[in-house]
Amino acid sequence: QVQLVESGGGSVQSGGSLRLSCAVTGDATTSFCMAWFRQAPGKEREGVANIWPDAGRIHYADSVHGRFTTSFDSAKNTLYLQMNNLRFEDTATYYCAARLSWPCTTTKDDYKYWGQGTQVTVSS
C-alpha cells in the first residue's frame, strides 16, 4: 500500500504564500502519477495540478496557473505544492493523491491513494 501524509497548511492573508508537502511511503513504483486536489465546503473536489515525474510533465488548472508550482523530490519521496499570491478563492482543504498508472489525469476517481487533507485558509 502507498501512504501519503500531508503537511504545510495554514491561514494566510491575500497575497501570501504557503508550501504544502506530501510524503510518500509504501510500495510505490518508479513510474507513477501524483496530483493535488482541493475541496471547498459544499463544492466538489477539483483538480489543481498533477505531475508525472518520469516523463517530466506537469499540468495546472487554469485557476492556479502562474501562481502555483508543484514538484517531486525523488531523494525525499516528497511532493510539494508551492502556492504564491494566494487569493480568497483558494480557500479549501487540499489533498494530495497518487495513482500507479499513467498518464496523469484531473479526475479524482482515477486516484486510489489519498492524503488526509490539509486546510488552507486565505483571508481578504
C-alpha atoms as a PDB file:
ATOM      1  CA  GLN A   1       0.000   0.000   0.000  1.00  0.00           C
ATOM      2  CA  VAL A   2       1.019   3.564  -0.700  1.00  0.00           C
ATOM      3  CA  GLN A   3       0.649   6.044   2.135  1.00  0.00           C
ATOM      4  CA  LEU A   4       0.536   9.817   1.757  1.00  0.00           C
ATOM      5  CA  VAL A   5       0.998  12.212   4.661  1.00  0.00           C
ATOM      6  CA  GLU A   6       0.342  15.909   4.121  1.00  0.00           C
ATOM      7  CA  SER A   7       1.546  18.972   5.979  1.00  0.00           C
ATOM      8  CA  GLY A   8       2.029  22.702   5.493  1.00  0.00           C
ATOM      9  CA  GLY A   9      -1.490  24.095   5.527  1.00  0.00           C
ATOM     10  CA  GLY A  10      -2.462  27.166   7.489  1.00  0.00           C
ATOM     11  CA  SER A  11      -4.026  30.612   7.415  1.00  0.00           C
ATOM     12  CA  VAL A  12      -2.597  33.486   5.383  1.00  0.00           C
ATOM     13  CA  GLN A  13      -3.695  36.847   4.095  1.00  0.00           C
ATOM     14  CA  SER A  14      -4.419  37.512   0.466  1.00  0.00           C
ATOM     15  CA  GLY A  15      -1.172  37.752  -1.477  1.00  0.00           C
ATOM     16  CA  GLY A  16       0.697  35.465   0.884  1.00  0.00           C
ATOM     17  CA  SER A  17       2.377  32.132   0.234  1.00  0.00           C
ATOM     18  CA  LEU A  18       2.303  28.596   1.570  1.00  0.00           C
ATOM     19  CA  ARG A  19       4.097  25.387   0.689  1.00  0.00           C
ATOM     20  CA  LEU A  20       2.328  22.072   1.084  1.00  0.00           C
ATOM     21  CA  SER A  21       4.230  18.808   1.432  1.00  0.00           C
ATOM     22  CA  CYS A  22       3.120  15.243   0.765  1.00  0.00           C
ATOM     23  CA  ALA A  23       5.443  12.494   1.977  1.00  0.00           C
ATOM     24  CA  VAL A  24       5.125   9.195   0.117  1.00  0.00           C
ATOM     25  CA  THR A  25       5.795   5.821   1.743  1.00  0.00           C
ATOM     26  CA  GLY A  26       4.936   2.241   0.895  1.00  0.00           C
ATOM     27  CA  ASP A  27       5.104   0.268  -2.327  1.00  0.00           C
ATOM     28  CA  ALA A  28       5.073   2.998  -4.928  1.00  0.00           C
ATOM     29  CA  THR A  29       6.668   2.053  -8.222  1.00  0.00           C
ATOM     30  CA  THR A  30       9.221   4.134 -10.048  1.00  0.00           C
ATOM     31  CA  SER A  31       6.575   5.161 -12.567  1.00  0.00           C
ATOM     32  CA  PHE A  32       3.511   6.834 -11.092  1.00  0.00           C
ATOM     33  CA  CYS A  33       1.423   9.965 -11.216  1.00  0.00           C
ATOM     34  CA  MET A  34       0.709  12.349  -8.367  1.00  0.00           C
ATOM     35  CA  ALA A  35      -1.771  15.161  -8.091  1.00  0.00           C
ATOM     36  CA  TRP A  36      -3.201  17.898  -5.915  1.00  0.00           C
ATOM     37  CA  PHE A  37      -6.925  18.356  -5.441  1.00  0.00           C
ATOM     38  CA  ARG A  38      -8.881  20.810  -3.341  1.00  0.00           C
ATOM     39  CA  GLN A  39     -12.376  20.927  -1.950  1.00  0.00           C
ATOM     40  CA  ALA A  40     -14.206  23.915  -0.545  1.00  0.00           C
ATOM     41  CA  PRO A  41     -17.258  23.447   1.706  1.00  0.00           C
ATOM     42  CA  GLY A  42     -20.295  22.483  -0.322  1.00  0.00           C
ATOM     43  CA  LYS A  43     -18.303  22.080  -3.529  1.00  0.00           C
ATOM     44  CA  GLU A  44     -16.972  19.110  -5.439  1.00  0.00           C
ATOM     45  CA  ARG A  45     -13.341  18.107  -5.193  1.00  0.00           C
ATOM     46  CA  GLU A  46     -11.442  19.613  -8.108  1.00  0.00           C
ATOM     47  CA  GLY A  47      -8.043  19.043  -9.644  1.00  0.00           C
ATOM     48  CA  VAL A  48      -5.366  21.657  -9.003  1.00  0.00           C
ATOM     49  CA  ALA A  49      -2.232  20.159 -10.518  1.00  0.00           C
ATOM     50  CA  ASN A  50      -0.713  16.846 -11.459  1.00  0.00           C
ATOM     51  CA  ILE A  51       2.793  15.643 -12.178  1.00  0.00           C
ATOM     52  CA  TRP A  52       4.335  12.640 -13.890  1.00  0.00           C
ATOM     53  CA  PRO A  53       7.915  12.691 -12.599  1.00  0.00           C
ATOM     54  CA  ASP A  54       9.304  10.075 -15.005  1.00  0.00           C
ATOM     55  CA  ALA A  55       8.020  11.996 -18.003  1.00  0.00           C
ATOM     56  CA  GLY A  56       8.723  15.458 -16.631  1.00  0.00           C
ATOM     57  CA  ARG A  57       5.162  16.554 -17.352  1.00  0.00           C
ATOM     58  CA  ILE A  58       3.137  18.927 -15.192  1.00  0.00           C
ATOM     59  CA  HIS A  59      -0.376  20.243 -15.615  1.00  0.00           C
ATOM     60  CA  TYR A  60      -2.095  23.087 -13.764  1.00  0.00           C
ATOM     61  CA  ALA A  61      -5.696  24.132 -13.566  1.00  0.00           C
ATOM     62  CA  ASP A  62      -6.384  27.485 -15.197  1.00  0.00           C
ATOM     63  CA  SER A  63      -7.361  28.977 -11.852  1.00  0.00           C
ATOM     64  CA  VAL A  64      -3.874  28.476 -10.379  1.00  0.00           C
ATOM     65  CA  HIS A  65      -1.636  28.621 -13.437  1.00  0.00           C
ATOM     66  CA  GLY A  66       1.220  31.059 -12.916  1.00  0.00           C
ATOM     67  CA  ARG A  67       0.725  31.165  -9.142  1.00  0.00           C
ATOM     68  CA  PHE A  68       1.183  27.544  -8.027  1.00  0.00           C
ATOM     69  CA  THR A  69       4.109  25.230  -8.688  1.00  0.00           C
ATOM     70  CA  THR A  70       4.234  21.512  -7.992  1.00  0.00           C
ATOM     71  CA  SER A  71       7.388  19.420  -7.860  1.00  0.00           C
ATOM     72  CA  PHE A  72       8.556  15.997  -6.726  1.00  0.00           C
ATOM     73  CA  ASP A  73      11.793  15.406  -4.847  1.00  0.00           C
ATOM     74  CA  SER A  74      12.818  11.822  -5.610  1.00  0.00           C
ATOM     75  CA  ALA A  75      15.519  11.779  -2.929  1.00  0.00           C
ATOM     76  CA  LYS A  76      12.945  12.576  -0.244  1.00  0.00           C
ATOM     77  CA  ASN A  77       9.952  10.900  -1.883  1.00  0.00           C
ATOM     78  CA  THR A  78       8.011  14.074  -1.258  1.00  0.00           C
ATOM     79  CA  LEU A  79       5.571  16.012  -3.391  1.00  0.00           C
ATOM     80  CA  TYR A  80       5.367  19.783  -2.946  1.00  0.00           C
ATOM     81  CA  LEU A  81       2.881  22.469  -3.860  1.00  0.00           C
ATOM     82  CA  GLN A  82       4.266  25.994  -3.681  1.00  0.00           C
ATOM     83  CA  MET A  83       1.382  28.451  -3.603  1.00  0.00           C
ATOM     84  CA  ASN A  84       2.118  32.127  -4.232  1.00  0.00           C
ATOM     85  CA  ASN A  85      -0.133  35.171  -4.463  1.00  0.00           C
ATOM     86  CA  LEU A  86      -2.914  33.329  -2.699  1.00  0.00           C
ATOM     87  CA  ARG A  87      -6.467  34.533  -3.149  1.00  0.00           C
ATOM     88  CA  PHE A  88      -9.586  34.173  -1.056  1.00  0.00           C
ATOM     89  CA  GLU A  89     -10.933  31.782  -3.686  1.00  0.00           C
ATOM     90  CA  ASP A  90      -8.061  29.384  -2.940  1.00  0.00           C
ATOM     91  CA  THR A  91      -9.523  28.624   0.480  1.00  0.00           C
ATOM     92  CA  ALA A  92     -10.151  24.874   0.647  1.00  0.00           C
ATOM     93  CA  THR A  93      -8.956  21.583   2.017  1.00  0.00           C
ATOM     94  CA  TYR A  94      -6.076  20.410  -0.143  1.00  0.00           C
ATOM     95  CA  TYR A  95      -5.406  16.740  -0.822  1.00  0.00           C
ATOM     96  CA  CYS A  96      -2.502  15.015  -2.475  1.00  0.00           C
ATOM     97  CA  ALA A  97      -3.184  11.834  -4.401  1.00  0.00           C
ATOM     98  CA  ALA A  98      -1.332   9.118  -6.279  1.00  0.00           C
ATOM     99  CA  ARG A  99      -2.100   6.530  -8.908  1.00  0.00           C
ATOM    100  CA  LEU A 100       0.136   3.704 -10.077  1.00  0.00           C
ATOM    101  CA  SER A 101      -0.655   4.296 -13.710  1.00  0.00           C
ATOM    102  CA  TRP A 102      -0.219   6.980 -16.334  1.00  0.00           C
ATOM    103  CA  PRO A 103      -0.698   9.421 -17.912  1.00  0.00           C
ATOM    104  CA  CYS A 104      -1.871  11.661 -15.112  1.00  0.00           C
ATOM    105  CA  THR A 105      -5.443  12.919 -15.090  1.00  0.00           C
ATOM    106  CA  THR A 106      -7.586  15.523 -13.353  1.00  0.00           C
ATOM    107  CA  THR A 107     -10.321  13.053 -12.420  1.00  0.00           C
ATOM    108  CA  LYS A 108     -10.496  12.240  -8.722  1.00  0.00           C
ATOM    109  CA  ASP A 109     -11.903   8.763  -9.306  1.00  0.00           C
ATOM    110  CA  ASP A 110      -8.709   7.795 -11.126  1.00  0.00           C
ATOM    111  CA  TYR A 111      -6.652   8.114  -7.946  1.00  0.00           C
ATOM    112  CA  LYS A 112      -6.514   5.269  -5.459  1.00  0.00           C
ATOM    113  CA  TYR A 113      -4.276   6.715  -2.761  1.00  0.00           C
ATOM    114  CA  TRP A 114      -5.018   9.923  -0.858  1.00  0.00           C
ATOM    115  CA  GLY A 115      -3.512  12.090   1.812  1.00  0.00           C
ATOM    116  CA  GLN A 116      -5.536  13.079   4.848  1.00  0.00           C
ATOM    117  CA  GLY A 117      -6.010  16.650   3.655  1.00  0.00           C
ATOM    118  CA  THR A 118      -4.665  19.944   4.947  1.00  0.00           C
ATOM    119  CA  GLN A 119      -6.645  23.148   5.383  1.00  0.00           C
ATOM    120  CA  VAL A 120      -5.670  26.331   3.563  1.00  0.00           C
ATOM    121  CA  THR A 121      -7.499  29.492   4.566  1.00  0.00           C
ATOM    122  CA  VAL A 122      -6.906  32.813   2.810  1.00  0.00           C
ATOM    123  CA  SER A 123      -8.347  35.984   4.295  1.00  0.00           C
ATOM    124  CA  SER A 124      -9.060  39.059   2.200  1.00  0.00           C
END
